[in-house]
């Protein structure tokens, strides 16, 4: 794979990195295997977060063995200085390392959040303290709203945000501004939480439209090889390939789950992201029997949602999950009833 310098950080990384969300769903042994596979195939940028349950601990089982060859990035949801500083120490312990290459403020999504982390006693102050002590090398920020990130552009060395064929708002102002200032651009949600089927085309689109590195999540060894192969022979999309991606974009629309799982845990115990996935398999991919079998095996189903609204508050895409669940279940019942007539 080609390498690229991540903005002005001096960090040189391959264009395909490793996103640490999906390995939460793997056993320790499965996680070990896929991390070893990633390193063997040349991936050297590994991104996780304090909020990703045991993802940091799983990184810590494998990555220290390769510490001088890799770049580790993680994040804190804390908004004040002392808590952010404390999170750095927890991350160091979890990942069994004495420094973290890139530490990021996680999901700054409102102006209130922005003012808090940038102001006196804010989280940025805590990360600067950690950097002065040699615990972290560089400071970045992540978020889902390009217009918020644009307002913080002079404070960070890298910015991480969703970018794919569906989420292109960053292309108008944010990406050009990052390039002008030589700030690292990291593409999260590169395949929209697994919703995009044309993974190769979409990764090529991302890496030829201004992003330095894409960090797809991977939970199968074969996914590693498929993703790495994109960057080994990176080519812009031709007209027919672009048409294919745009067709998938039209099919998906905007109201679908990216499986970031920020909405979890559900107060009623629903596995929200998996219930969204079942909807996708039933309606988008035509795997109706598979979807219904998986639904039958769940303790909590669509009808257990009481529409408390907690998931809506937490969703970076403002998905009205209770409404989506209610309407999808009604439609599934209607379709299944018609099959029996």
C-alpha atoms as a PDB file:
ATOM      1  CA  UNK A   1       0.000   0.000   0.000  1.00  0.00           C
ATOM      2  CA  UNK A   2       1.012   3.577  -0.570  1.00  0.00           C
ATOM      3  CA  UNK A   3       1.807   5.614   2.519  1.00  0.00           C
ATOM      4  CA  UNK A   4       0.750   9.185   3.187  1.00  0.00           C
ATOM      5  CA  UNK A   5       1.772  11.725   5.796  1.00  0.00           C
ATOM      6  CA  UNK A   6      -1.153  12.464   8.076  1.00  0.00           C
ATOM      7  CA  UNK A   7      -1.334  16.227   7.742  1.00  0.00           C
ATOM      8  CA  UNK A   8       1.569  17.914   9.497  1.00  0.00           C
ATOM      9  CA  UNK A   9       1.838  15.303  12.243  1.00  0.00           C
ATOM     10  CA  UNK A  10       4.857  13.584  10.720  1.00  0.00           C
ATOM     11  CA  UNK A  11       2.997  10.282  11.073  1.00  0.00           C
ATOM     12  CA  UNK A  12       3.272   8.194   7.914  1.00  0.00           C
ATOM     13  CA  UNK A  13       0.421   5.736   7.477  1.00  0.00           C
ATOM     14  CA  UNK A  14      -0.951   3.416   4.854  1.00  0.00           C
ATOM     15  CA  UNK A  15      -4.152   4.590   3.215  1.00  0.00           C
ATOM     16  CA  UNK A  16      -6.316   1.829   4.724  1.00  0.00           C
ATOM     17  CA  UNK A  17      -6.496   1.771   8.512  1.00  0.00           C
ATOM     18  CA  UNK A  18      -8.383  -0.365  11.005  1.00  0.00           C
ATOM     19  CA  UNK A  19     -11.561   0.887  12.707  1.00  0.00           C
ATOM     20  CA  UNK A  20     -12.076  -0.564  16.178  1.00  0.00           C
ATOM     21  CA  UNK A  21     -15.886  -0.745  16.436  1.00  0.00           C
ATOM     22  CA  UNK A  22     -16.698  -4.219  15.004  1.00  0.00           C
ATOM     23  CA  UNK A  23     -14.159  -6.129  17.088  1.00  0.00           C
ATOM     24  CA  UNK A  24     -16.344  -5.372  20.106  1.00  0.00           C
ATOM     25  CA  UNK A  25     -18.585  -8.140  18.782  1.00  0.00           C
ATOM     26  CA  UNK A  26     -15.738 -10.694  18.540  1.00  0.00           C
ATOM     27  CA  UNK A  27     -14.259 -13.007  21.147  1.00  0.00           C
ATOM     28  CA  UNK A  28     -10.752 -12.247  22.346  1.00  0.00           C
ATOM     29  CA  UNK A  29      -9.337 -15.047  20.209  1.00  0.00           C
ATOM     30  CA  UNK A  30     -11.217 -13.899  17.077  1.00  0.00           C
ATOM     31  CA  UNK A  31     -10.062 -10.346  17.674  1.00  0.00           C
ATOM     32  CA  UNK A  32      -6.450 -11.512  18.058  1.00  0.00           C
ATOM     33  CA  UNK A  33      -6.614 -13.285  14.704  1.00  0.00           C
ATOM     34  CA  UNK A  34      -8.008 -10.366  12.757  1.00  0.00           C
ATOM     35  CA  UNK A  35      -5.562  -7.875  14.282  1.00  0.00           C
ATOM     36  CA  UNK A  36      -2.615 -10.129  13.397  1.00  0.00           C
ATOM     37  CA  UNK A  37      -4.035 -10.499   9.891  1.00  0.00           C
ATOM     38  CA  UNK A  38      -4.326  -6.719   9.531  1.00  0.00           C
ATOM     39  CA  UNK A  39      -0.704  -6.162  10.540  1.00  0.00           C
ATOM     40  CA  UNK A  40       0.501  -8.980   8.313  1.00  0.00           C
ATOM     41  CA  UNK A  41      -1.266  -7.308   5.367  1.00  0.00           C
ATOM     42  CA  UNK A  42       0.397  -3.944   6.038  1.00  0.00           C
ATOM     43  CA  UNK A  43      -2.235  -2.025   8.006  1.00  0.00           C
ATOM     44  CA  UNK A  44      -0.447   0.264  10.436  1.00  0.00           C
ATOM     45  CA  UNK A  45      -3.109   2.766  11.629  1.00  0.00           C
ATOM     46  CA  UNK A  46      -5.414   1.446  14.346  1.00  0.00           C
ATOM     47  CA  UNK A  47      -8.280   3.590  15.644  1.00  0.00           C
ATOM     48  CA  UNK A  48     -10.481   2.891  18.658  1.00  0.00           C
ATOM     49  CA  UNK A  49     -12.120   4.805  21.521  1.00  0.00           C
ATOM     50  CA  UNK A  50     -12.666   4.668  25.255  1.00  0.00           C
ATOM     51  CA  UNK A  51     -16.390   4.303  24.479  1.00  0.00           C
ATOM     52  CA  UNK A  52     -15.973   1.135  22.385  1.00  0.00           C
ATOM     53  CA  UNK A  53     -16.449  -1.247  25.341  1.00  0.00           C
ATOM     54  CA  UNK A  54     -13.493  -3.705  25.243  1.00  0.00           C
ATOM     55  CA  UNK A  55     -11.948  -2.535  21.944  1.00  0.00           C
ATOM     56  CA  UNK A  56      -8.954  -0.875  23.621  1.00  0.00           C
ATOM     57  CA  UNK A  57      -8.292  -4.004  25.683  1.00  0.00           C
ATOM     58  CA  UNK A  58      -8.401  -6.136  22.542  1.00  0.00           C
ATOM     59  CA  UNK A  59      -5.922  -3.803  20.854  1.00  0.00           C
ATOM     60  CA  UNK A  60      -3.742  -4.182  23.942  1.00  0.00           C
ATOM     61  CA  UNK A  61      -3.526  -7.948  23.506  1.00  0.00           C
ATOM     62  CA  UNK A  62      -1.835  -7.678  20.093  1.00  0.00           C
ATOM     63  CA  UNK A  63      -0.575  -4.216  19.172  1.00  0.00           C
ATOM     64  CA  UNK A  64       2.232  -3.858  21.762  1.00  0.00           C
ATOM     65  CA  UNK A  65       4.088  -6.646  19.972  1.00  0.00           C
ATOM     66  CA  UNK A  66       4.327  -4.377  16.906  1.00  0.00           C
ATOM     67  CA  UNK A  67       4.509  -1.020  18.709  1.00  0.00           C
ATOM     68  CA  UNK A  68       7.324   0.546  16.668  1.00  0.00           C
ATOM     69  CA  UNK A  69       5.637  -0.377  13.374  1.00  0.00           C
ATOM     70  CA  UNK A  70       2.149   0.975  14.034  1.00  0.00           C
ATOM     71  CA  UNK A  71       0.178   4.118  14.843  1.00  0.00           C
ATOM     72  CA  UNK A  72      -2.415   3.926  17.622  1.00  0.00           C
ATOM     73  CA  UNK A  73      -5.328   6.365  17.800  1.00  0.00           C
ATOM     74  CA  UNK A  74      -8.071   6.497  20.394  1.00  0.00           C
ATOM     75  CA  UNK A  75     -10.621   8.968  21.735  1.00  0.00           C
ATOM     76  CA  UNK A  76     -12.287  10.391  24.828  1.00  0.00           C
ATOM     77  CA  UNK A  77     -15.919  11.386  25.263  1.00  0.00           C
ATOM     78  CA  UNK A  78     -14.953  13.495  28.288  1.00  0.00           C
ATOM     79  CA  UNK A  79     -15.529  17.214  27.930  1.00  0.00           C
ATOM     80  CA  UNK A  80     -13.474  18.630  30.794  1.00  0.00           C
ATOM     81  CA  UNK A  81      -9.717  18.695  31.287  1.00  0.00           C
ATOM     82  CA  UNK A  82      -9.269  16.415  34.288  1.00  0.00           C
ATOM     83  CA  UNK A  83     -11.518  13.649  32.958  1.00  0.00           C
ATOM     84  CA  UNK A  84      -9.902  13.754  29.508  1.00  0.00           C
ATOM     85  CA  UNK A  85      -6.469  13.561  31.109  1.00  0.00           C
ATOM     86  CA  UNK A  86      -7.598  10.609  33.237  1.00  0.00           C
ATOM     87  CA  UNK A  87      -8.950   8.859  30.129  1.00  0.00           C
ATOM     88  CA  UNK A  88      -5.492   9.020  28.572  1.00  0.00           C
ATOM     89  CA  UNK A  89      -4.065   7.044  31.488  1.00  0.00           C
ATOM     90  CA  UNK A  90      -6.843   4.455  31.193  1.00  0.00           C
ATOM     91  CA  UNK A  91      -6.162   4.070  27.467  1.00  0.00           C
ATOM     92  CA  UNK A  92      -2.437   3.629  28.104  1.00  0.00           C
ATOM     93  CA  UNK A  93      -3.172   0.879  30.605  1.00  0.00           C
ATOM     94  CA  UNK A  94      -5.758  -0.835  28.382  1.00  0.00           C
ATOM     95  CA  UNK A  95      -3.491  -0.894  25.344  1.00  0.00           C
ATOM     96  CA  UNK A  96      -0.323  -1.735  27.287  1.00  0.00           C
ATOM     97  CA  UNK A  97       1.719   1.118  25.858  1.00  0.00           C
ATOM     98  CA  UNK A  98       3.509   4.133  27.302  1.00  0.00           C
ATOM     99  CA  UNK A  99       2.362   6.563  24.613  1.00  0.00           C
ATOM    100  CA  UNK A 100      -0.521   7.005  22.161  1.00  0.00           C
ATOM    101  CA  UNK A 101       0.249   8.511  18.782  1.00  0.00           C
ATOM    102  CA  UNK A 102      -3.078  10.309  18.272  1.00  0.00           C
ATOM    103  CA  UNK A 103      -5.646  11.113  20.952  1.00  0.00           C
ATOM    104  CA  UNK A 104      -8.937  12.589  19.773  1.00  0.00           C
ATOM    105  CA  UNK A 105     -11.909  14.375  21.274  1.00  0.00           C
ATOM    106  CA  UNK A 106     -14.821  12.098  20.445  1.00  0.00           C
ATOM    107  CA  UNK A 107     -17.923  13.237  18.545  1.00  0.00           C
ATOM    108  CA  UNK A 108     -18.039  17.001  19.057  1.00  0.00           C
ATOM    109  CA  UNK A 109     -21.478  17.499  17.568  1.00  0.00           C
ATOM    110  CA  UNK A 110     -22.878  20.759  18.968  1.00  0.00           C
ATOM    111  CA  UNK A 111     -21.636  24.294  19.472  1.00  0.00           C
ATOM    112  CA  UNK A 112     -22.154  23.783  23.208  1.00  0.00           C
ATOM    113  CA  UNK A 113     -19.798  20.789  23.112  1.00  0.00           C
ATOM    114  CA  UNK A 114     -17.303  22.784  21.069  1.00  0.00           C
ATOM    115  CA  UNK A 115     -17.307  25.728  23.478  1.00  0.00           C
ATOM    116  CA  UNK A 116     -16.922  23.373  26.430  1.00  0.00           C
ATOM    117  CA  UNK A 117     -13.918  21.425  25.126  1.00  0.00           C
ATOM    118  CA  UNK A 118     -12.122  24.495  23.764  1.00  0.00           C
ATOM    119  CA  UNK A 119     -12.784  26.773  26.741  1.00  0.00           C
ATOM    120  CA  UNK A 120     -10.936  27.114  30.064  1.00  0.00           C
ATOM    121  CA  UNK A 121     -10.900  23.779  31.862  1.00  0.00           C
ATOM    122  CA  UNK A 122     -12.076  22.000  28.722  1.00  0.00           C
ATOM    123  CA  UNK A 123     -10.963  18.626  27.402  1.00  0.00           C
ATOM    124  CA  UNK A 124      -8.465  20.107  24.953  1.00  0.00           C
ATOM    125  CA  UNK A 125      -6.595  21.573  27.908  1.00  0.00           C
ATOM    126  CA  UNK A 126      -6.353  18.085  29.448  1.00  0.00           C
ATOM    127  CA  UNK A 127      -5.033  16.542  26.233  1.00  0.00           C
ATOM    128  CA  UNK A 128      -2.439  19.310  25.900  1.00  0.00           C
ATOM    129  CA  UNK A 129      -1.267  18.488  29.405  1.00  0.00           C
ATOM    130  CA  UNK A 130      -0.965  14.815  28.435  1.00  0.00           C
ATOM    131  CA  UNK A 131       0.985  15.789  25.325  1.00  0.00           C
ATOM    132  CA  UNK A 132       3.386  17.921  27.352  1.00  0.00           C
ATOM    133  CA  UNK A 133       4.049  14.880  29.558  1.00  0.00           C
ATOM    134  CA  UNK A 134       4.777  12.676  26.544  1.00  0.00           C
ATOM    135  CA  UNK A 135       1.719  10.465  27.008  1.00  0.00           C
ATOM    136  CA  UNK A 136       0.274  11.355  23.607  1.00  0.00           C
ATOM    137  CA  UNK A 137       1.908  12.549  20.431  1.00  0.00           C
ATOM    138  CA  UNK A 138      -0.826  14.453  18.597  1.00  0.00           C
ATOM    139  CA  UNK A 139      -4.325  15.770  19.246  1.00  0.00           C
ATOM    140  CA  UNK A 140      -7.305  15.344  16.941  1.00  0.00           C
ATOM    141  CA  UNK A 141     -11.079  15.648  16.959  1.00  0.00           C
ATOM    142  CA  UNK A 142     -13.938  13.610  15.554  1.00  0.00           C
ATOM    143  CA  UNK A 143     -17.479  14.561  14.660  1.00  0.00           C
ATOM    144  CA  UNK A 144     -20.351  13.955  12.285  1.00  0.00           C
ATOM    145  CA  UNK A 145     -21.118  17.571  11.377  1.00  0.00           C
ATOM    146  CA  UNK A 146     -18.608  19.248   9.024  1.00  0.00           C
ATOM    147  CA  UNK A 147     -19.815  22.761   9.871  1.00  0.00           C
ATOM    148  CA  UNK A 148     -18.964  22.202  13.551  1.00  0.00           C
ATOM    149  CA  UNK A 149     -15.531  20.786  12.739  1.00  0.00           C
ATOM    150  CA  UNK A 150     -14.818  23.695  10.419  1.00  0.00           C
ATOM    151  CA  UNK A 151     -15.150  26.089  13.356  1.00  0.00           C
ATOM    152  CA  UNK A 152     -12.450  24.163  15.260  1.00  0.00           C
ATOM    153  CA  UNK A 153      -9.995  23.788  12.426  1.00  0.00           C
ATOM    154  CA  UNK A 154      -7.229  25.865  14.012  1.00  0.00           C
ATOM    155  CA  UNK A 155      -7.124  23.787  17.209  1.00  0.00           C
ATOM    156  CA  UNK A 156      -6.365  20.254  16.009  1.00  0.00           C
ATOM    157  CA  UNK A 157      -3.820  18.290  14.002  1.00  0.00           C
ATOM    158  CA  UNK A 158      -6.299  15.794  12.562  1.00  0.00           C
ATOM    159  CA  UNK A 159     -10.038  15.619  11.971  1.00  0.00           C
ATOM    160  CA  UNK A 160     -12.042  12.420  11.639  1.00  0.00           C
ATOM    161  CA  UNK A 161     -15.538  12.433  10.163  1.00  0.00           C
ATOM    162  CA  UNK A 162     -17.904  10.291   8.074  1.00  0.00           C
ATOM    163  CA  UNK A 163     -17.133  10.368   4.374  1.00  0.00           C
ATOM    164  CA  UNK A 164     -18.531   8.039   1.741  1.00  0.00           C
ATOM    165  CA  UNK A 165     -20.721   8.235  -1.331  1.00  0.00           C
ATOM    166  CA  UNK A 166     -23.735   9.018   0.870  1.00  0.00           C
ATOM    167  CA  UNK A 167     -22.114  11.480   3.262  1.00  0.00           C
ATOM    168  CA  UNK A 168     -20.353  14.026   1.078  1.00  0.00           C
ATOM    169  CA  UNK A 169     -21.099  17.299   2.886  1.00  0.00           C
ATOM    170  CA  UNK A 170     -17.465  17.581   3.993  1.00  0.00           C
ATOM    171  CA  UNK A 171     -16.349  17.851   0.355  1.00  0.00           C
ATOM    172  CA  UNK A 172     -17.664  21.393  -0.042  1.00  0.00           C
ATOM    173  CA  UNK A 173     -15.656  23.284   2.576  1.00  0.00           C
ATOM    174  CA  UNK A 174     -14.099  21.060   5.217  1.00  0.00           C
ATOM    175  CA  UNK A 175     -11.848  18.851   3.082  1.00  0.00           C
ATOM    176  CA  UNK A 176     -10.430  21.782   1.044  1.00  0.00           C
ATOM    177  CA  UNK A 177      -9.783  23.678   4.289  1.00  0.00           C
ATOM    178  CA  UNK A 178      -7.962  20.678   5.775  1.00  0.00           C
ATOM    179  CA  UNK A 179      -5.808  20.341   2.678  1.00  0.00           C
ATOM    180  CA  UNK A 180      -4.949  24.040   2.702  1.00  0.00           C
ATOM    181  CA  UNK A 181      -3.833  23.879   6.352  1.00  0.00           C
ATOM    182  CA  UNK A 182      -2.228  20.425   6.062  1.00  0.00           C
ATOM    183  CA  UNK A 183      -4.459  18.894   8.723  1.00  0.00           C
ATOM    184  CA  UNK A 184      -4.923  15.130   8.612  1.00  0.00           C
ATOM    185  CA  UNK A 185      -8.248  13.900   7.202  1.00  0.00           C
ATOM    186  CA  UNK A 186      -9.489  10.518   8.477  1.00  0.00           C
ATOM    187  CA  UNK A 187     -12.609   8.929   6.981  1.00  0.00           C
ATOM    188  CA  UNK A 188     -14.770   7.096   9.479  1.00  0.00           C
ATOM    189  CA  UNK A 189     -17.936   5.218   8.459  1.00  0.00           C
ATOM    190  CA  UNK A 190     -16.307   4.594   5.052  1.00  0.00           C
ATOM    191  CA  UNK A 191     -18.911   1.975   4.163  1.00  0.00           C
ATOM    192  CA  UNK A 192     -21.716   3.570   6.209  1.00  0.00           C
ATOM    193  CA  UNK A 193     -21.585   1.018   8.994  1.00  0.00           C
ATOM    194  CA  UNK A 194     -21.694  -1.861   6.532  1.00  0.00           C
ATOM    195  CA  UNK A 195     -24.754  -0.590   4.660  1.00  0.00           C
ATOM    196  CA  UNK A 196     -22.836   0.023   1.430  1.00  0.00           C
ATOM    197  CA  UNK A 197     -22.339  -3.185  -0.537  1.00  0.00           C
ATOM    198  CA  UNK A 198     -19.766  -1.932  -3.052  1.00  0.00           C
ATOM    199  CA  UNK A 199     -16.933  -1.677  -0.551  1.00  0.00           C
ATOM    200  CA  UNK A 200     -14.092  -1.525  -3.078  1.00  0.00           C
ATOM    201  CA  UNK A 201     -15.715   1.214  -5.156  1.00  0.00           C
ATOM    202  CA  UNK A 202     -16.582   3.247  -2.115  1.00  0.00           C
ATOM    203  CA  UNK A 203     -13.079   3.053  -0.611  1.00  0.00           C
ATOM    204  CA  UNK A 204     -11.630   4.117  -3.957  1.00  0.00           C
ATOM    205  CA  UNK A 205     -14.067   7.028  -4.039  1.00  0.00           C
ATOM    206  CA  UNK A 206     -13.010   8.136  -0.553  1.00  0.00           C
ATOM    207  CA  UNK A 207      -9.264   7.876  -1.123  1.00  0.00           C
ATOM    208  CA  UNK A 208      -9.408   9.766  -4.429  1.00  0.00           C
ATOM    209  CA  UNK A 209     -11.555  12.584  -3.045  1.00  0.00           C
ATOM    210  CA  UNK A 210      -9.241  14.206  -0.545  1.00  0.00           C
ATOM    211  CA  UNK A 211      -9.151  11.845   2.437  1.00  0.00           C
ATOM    212  CA  UNK A 212      -5.768  10.725   3.753  1.00  0.00           C
ATOM    213  CA  UNK A 213      -6.827   7.435   5.306  1.00  0.00           C
ATOM    214  CA  UNK A 214     -10.039   5.414   5.569  1.00  0.00           C
ATOM    215  CA  UNK A 215     -10.690   3.251   8.637  1.00  0.00           C
ATOM    216  CA  UNK A 216     -13.231   0.555   7.790  1.00  0.00           C
ATOM    217  CA  UNK A 217     -14.228  -1.728  10.620  1.00  0.00           C
ATOM    218  CA  UNK A 218     -13.415  -5.379  10.028  1.00  0.00           C
ATOM    219  CA  UNK A 219     -14.592  -8.504  11.769  1.00  0.00           C
ATOM    220  CA  UNK A 220     -13.630 -11.166   9.213  1.00  0.00           C
ATOM    221  CA  UNK A 221     -10.085 -11.937   7.991  1.00  0.00           C
ATOM    222  CA  UNK A 222     -11.190 -11.861   4.345  1.00  0.00           C
ATOM    223  CA  UNK A 223     -12.381  -8.281   4.795  1.00  0.00           C
ATOM    224  CA  UNK A 224      -8.813  -7.297   5.625  1.00  0.00           C
ATOM    225  CA  UNK A 225      -7.489  -8.588   2.312  1.00  0.00           C
ATOM    226  CA  UNK A 226     -10.324  -7.052   0.333  1.00  0.00           C
ATOM    227  CA  UNK A 227      -9.826  -3.623   1.894  1.00  0.00           C
ATOM    228  CA  UNK A 228      -6.045  -3.628   1.619  1.00  0.00           C
ATOM    229  CA  UNK A 229      -6.179  -4.603  -2.055  1.00  0.00           C
ATOM    230  CA  UNK A 230      -7.977  -1.322  -2.815  1.00  0.00           C
ATOM    231  CA  UNK A 231      -4.988   0.725  -1.690  1.00  0.00           C
ATOM    232  CA  UNK A 232      -2.462  -1.557  -3.336  1.00  0.00           C
ATOM    233  CA  UNK A 233      -3.659  -0.469  -6.779  1.00  0.00           C
ATOM    234  CA  UNK A 234      -5.635   2.703  -6.150  1.00  0.00           C
ATOM    235  CA  UNK A 235      -7.459   3.999  -9.212  1.00  0.00           C
ATOM    236  CA  UNK A 236     -10.133   6.721  -9.610  1.00  0.00           C
ATOM    237  CA  UNK A 237     -13.617   5.519 -10.483  1.00  0.00           C
ATOM    238  CA  UNK A 238     -14.673   5.456 -14.102  1.00  0.00           C
ATOM    239  CA  UNK A 239     -18.100   6.701 -15.185  1.00  0.00           C
ATOM    240  CA  UNK A 240     -19.745   3.285 -14.977  1.00  0.00           C
ATOM    241  CA  UNK A 241     -18.382   2.627 -11.477  1.00  0.00           C
ATOM    242  CA  UNK A 242     -19.543   6.035 -10.311  1.00  0.00           C
ATOM    243  CA  UNK A 243     -22.987   5.297 -11.712  1.00  0.00           C
ATOM    244  CA  UNK A 244     -23.062   2.065  -9.691  1.00  0.00           C
ATOM    245  CA  UNK A 245     -22.240   3.902  -6.457  1.00  0.00           C
ATOM    246  CA  UNK A 246     -24.808   6.618  -7.091  1.00  0.00           C
ATOM    247  CA  UNK A 247     -27.419   3.948  -7.714  1.00  0.00           C
ATOM    248  CA  UNK A 248     -26.691   2.405  -4.344  1.00  0.00           C
ATOM    249  CA  UNK A 249     -26.862   5.828  -2.742  1.00  0.00           C
ATOM    250  CA  UNK A 250     -30.333   6.404  -4.175  1.00  0.00           C
ATOM    251  CA  UNK A 251     -31.449   2.967  -2.986  1.00  0.00           C
ATOM    252  CA  UNK A 252     -30.297   3.506   0.602  1.00  0.00           C
ATOM    253  CA  UNK A 253     -31.522   7.042   1.113  1.00  0.00           C
ATOM    254  CA  UNK A 254     -30.657   8.789   4.392  1.00  0.00           C
ATOM    255  CA  UNK A 255     -32.706   7.065   7.122  1.00  0.00           C
ATOM    256  CA  UNK A 256     -30.620   4.008   7.855  1.00  0.00           C
ATOM    257  CA  UNK A 257     -28.440   2.946  10.777  1.00  0.00           C
ATOM    258  CA  UNK A 258     -24.637   3.215  10.439  1.00  0.00           C
ATOM    259  CA  UNK A 259     -24.140   0.831  13.408  1.00  0.00           C
ATOM    260  CA  UNK A 260     -21.944   3.216  15.407  1.00  0.00           C
ATOM    261  CA  UNK A 261     -23.895   2.042  18.482  1.00  0.00           C
ATOM    262  CA  UNK A 262     -23.774   5.432  20.210  1.00  0.00           C
ATOM    263  CA  UNK A 263     -27.441   4.769  21.006  1.00  0.00           C
ATOM    264  CA  UNK A 264     -26.572   1.787  23.180  1.00  0.00           C
ATOM    265  CA  UNK A 265     -27.400   0.581  25.726  1.00  0.00           C
ATOM    266  CA  UNK A 266     -31.162   0.791  25.264  1.00  0.00           C
ATOM    267  CA  UNK A 267     -33.059   1.291  28.559  1.00  0.00           C
ATOM    268  CA  UNK A 268     -35.421  -1.512  27.486  1.00  0.00           C
ATOM    269  CA  UNK A 269     -32.620  -3.862  26.491  1.00  0.00           C
ATOM    270  CA  UNK A 270     -33.163  -3.789  22.726  1.00  0.00           C
ATOM    271  CA  UNK A 271     -30.151  -4.526  20.525  1.00  0.00           C
ATOM    272  CA  UNK A 272     -30.869  -1.419  18.467  1.00  0.00           C
ATOM    273  CA  UNK A 273     -28.164  -1.716  15.831  1.00  0.00           C
ATOM    274  CA  UNK A 274     -28.918  -5.394  15.191  1.00  0.00           C
ATOM    275  CA  UNK A 275     -32.641  -4.680  14.857  1.00  0.00           C
ATOM    276  CA  UNK A 276     -31.764  -2.029  12.268  1.00  0.00           C
ATOM    277  CA  UNK A 277     -29.553  -4.595  10.514  1.00  0.00           C
ATOM    278  CA  UNK A 278     -32.468  -7.036  10.339  1.00  0.00           C
ATOM    279  CA  UNK A 279     -34.551  -4.363   8.619  1.00  0.00           C
ATOM    280  CA  UNK A 280     -31.780  -3.878   6.075  1.00  0.00           C
ATOM    281  CA  UNK A 281     -31.503  -7.572   5.318  1.00  0.00           C
ATOM    282  CA  UNK A 282     -35.261  -7.978   5.039  1.00  0.00           C
ATOM    283  CA  UNK A 283     -35.974  -4.990   2.784  1.00  0.00           C
ATOM    284  CA  UNK A 284     -32.712  -4.121   0.998  1.00  0.00           C
ATOM    285  CA  UNK A 285     -31.045  -7.465   0.468  1.00  0.00           C
ATOM    286  CA  UNK A 286     -34.062  -9.744   0.062  1.00  0.00           C
ATOM    287  CA  UNK A 287     -32.951 -12.118   2.832  1.00  0.00           C
ATOM    288  CA  UNK A 288     -36.380 -12.254   4.417  1.00  0.00           C
ATOM    289  CA  UNK A 289     -36.147 -15.744   5.919  1.00  0.00           C
ATOM    290  CA  UNK A 290     -32.694 -15.069   7.387  1.00  0.00           C
ATOM    291  CA  UNK A 291     -33.936 -11.799   8.901  1.00  0.00           C
ATOM    292  CA  UNK A 292     -36.995 -13.397  10.491  1.00  0.00           C
ATOM    293  CA  UNK A 293     -34.943 -16.260  11.934  1.00  0.00           C
ATOM    294  CA  UNK A 294     -32.557 -13.787  13.571  1.00  0.00           C
ATOM    295  CA  UNK A 295     -35.470 -11.725  14.859  1.00  0.00           C
ATOM    296  CA  UNK A 296     -37.088 -14.801  16.401  1.00  0.00           C
ATOM    297  CA  UNK A 297     -33.910 -15.516  18.339  1.00  0.00           C
ATOM    298  CA  UNK A 298     -33.857 -12.126  20.068  1.00  0.00           C
ATOM    299  CA  UNK A 299     -35.210 -11.610  23.580  1.00  0.00           C
ATOM    300  CA  UNK A 300     -36.326  -8.079  22.756  1.00  0.00           C
ATOM    301  CA  UNK A 301     -38.071  -7.272  19.492  1.00  0.00           C
ATOM    302  CA  UNK A 302     -39.533  -4.212  17.769  1.00  0.00           C
ATOM    303  CA  UNK A 303     -42.719  -4.351  19.855  1.00  0.00           C
ATOM    304  CA  UNK A 304     -40.644  -3.991  23.050  1.00  0.00           C
ATOM    305  CA  UNK A 305     -39.673  -0.433  22.077  1.00  0.00           C
ATOM    306  CA  UNK A 306     -41.611   2.033  24.257  1.00  0.00           C
ATOM    307  CA  UNK A 307     -40.464   5.088  22.241  1.00  0.00           C
ATOM    308  CA  UNK A 308     -38.683   6.663  25.221  1.00  0.00           C
ATOM    309  CA  UNK A 309     -36.569   8.683  22.781  1.00  0.00           C
ATOM    310  CA  UNK A 310     -33.179   8.057  24.418  1.00  0.00           C
ATOM    311  CA  UNK A 311     -31.773   6.585  21.199  1.00  0.00           C
ATOM    312  CA  UNK A 312     -32.887   9.631  19.206  1.00  0.00           C
ATOM    313  CA  UNK A 313     -30.991  11.954  21.550  1.00  0.00           C
ATOM    314  CA  UNK A 314     -27.791   9.916  21.193  1.00  0.00           C
ATOM    315  CA  UNK A 315     -27.890   9.279  17.436  1.00  0.00           C
ATOM    316  CA  UNK A 316     -25.441  11.480  15.487  1.00  0.00           C
ATOM    317  CA  UNK A 317     -27.726  11.126  12.459  1.00  0.00           C
ATOM    318  CA  UNK A 318     -30.920  12.050  14.334  1.00  0.00           C
ATOM    319  CA  UNK A 319     -32.604   8.791  13.340  1.00  0.00           C
ATOM    320  CA  UNK A 320     -36.094   8.384  14.763  1.00  0.00           C
ATOM    321  CA  UNK A 321     -35.522   4.745  15.619  1.00  0.00           C
ATOM    322  CA  UNK A 322     -38.875   4.156  17.382  1.00  0.00           C
ATOM    323  CA  UNK A 323     -40.731   5.352  14.279  1.00  0.00           C
ATOM    324  CA  UNK A 324     -38.476   3.314  11.965  1.00  0.00           C
ATOM    325  CA  UNK A 325     -39.030   0.189  14.070  1.00  0.00           C
ATOM    326  CA  UNK A 326     -42.789   0.712  14.298  1.00  0.00           C
ATOM    327  CA  UNK A 327     -43.217   1.255  10.561  1.00  0.00           C
ATOM    328  CA  UNK A 328     -40.821  -1.527   9.543  1.00  0.00           C
ATOM    329  CA  UNK A 329     -42.519  -4.088  11.778  1.00  0.00           C
ATOM    330  CA  UNK A 330     -45.948  -3.118  10.448  1.00  0.00           C
ATOM    331  CA  UNK A 331     -44.677  -3.528   6.892  1.00  0.00           C
ATOM    332  CA  UNK A 332     -43.026  -6.895   7.667  1.00  0.00           C
ATOM    333  CA  UNK A 333     -46.287  -8.166   9.158  1.00  0.00           C
ATOM    334  CA  UNK A 334     -48.190  -6.970   6.114  1.00  0.00           C
ATOM    335  CA  UNK A 335     -45.788  -8.696   3.703  1.00  0.00           C
ATOM    336  CA  UNK A 336     -45.708 -11.941   5.656  1.00  0.00           C
ATOM    337  CA  UNK A 337     -49.533 -11.990   5.934  1.00  0.00           C
ATOM    338  CA  UNK A 338     -49.858 -11.539   2.174  1.00  0.00           C
ATOM    339  CA  UNK A 339     -47.670 -14.624   1.621  1.00  0.00           C
ATOM    340  CA  UNK A 340     -50.207 -16.760   3.467  1.00  0.00           C
ATOM    341  CA  UNK A 341     -53.191 -15.636   1.401  1.00  0.00           C
END
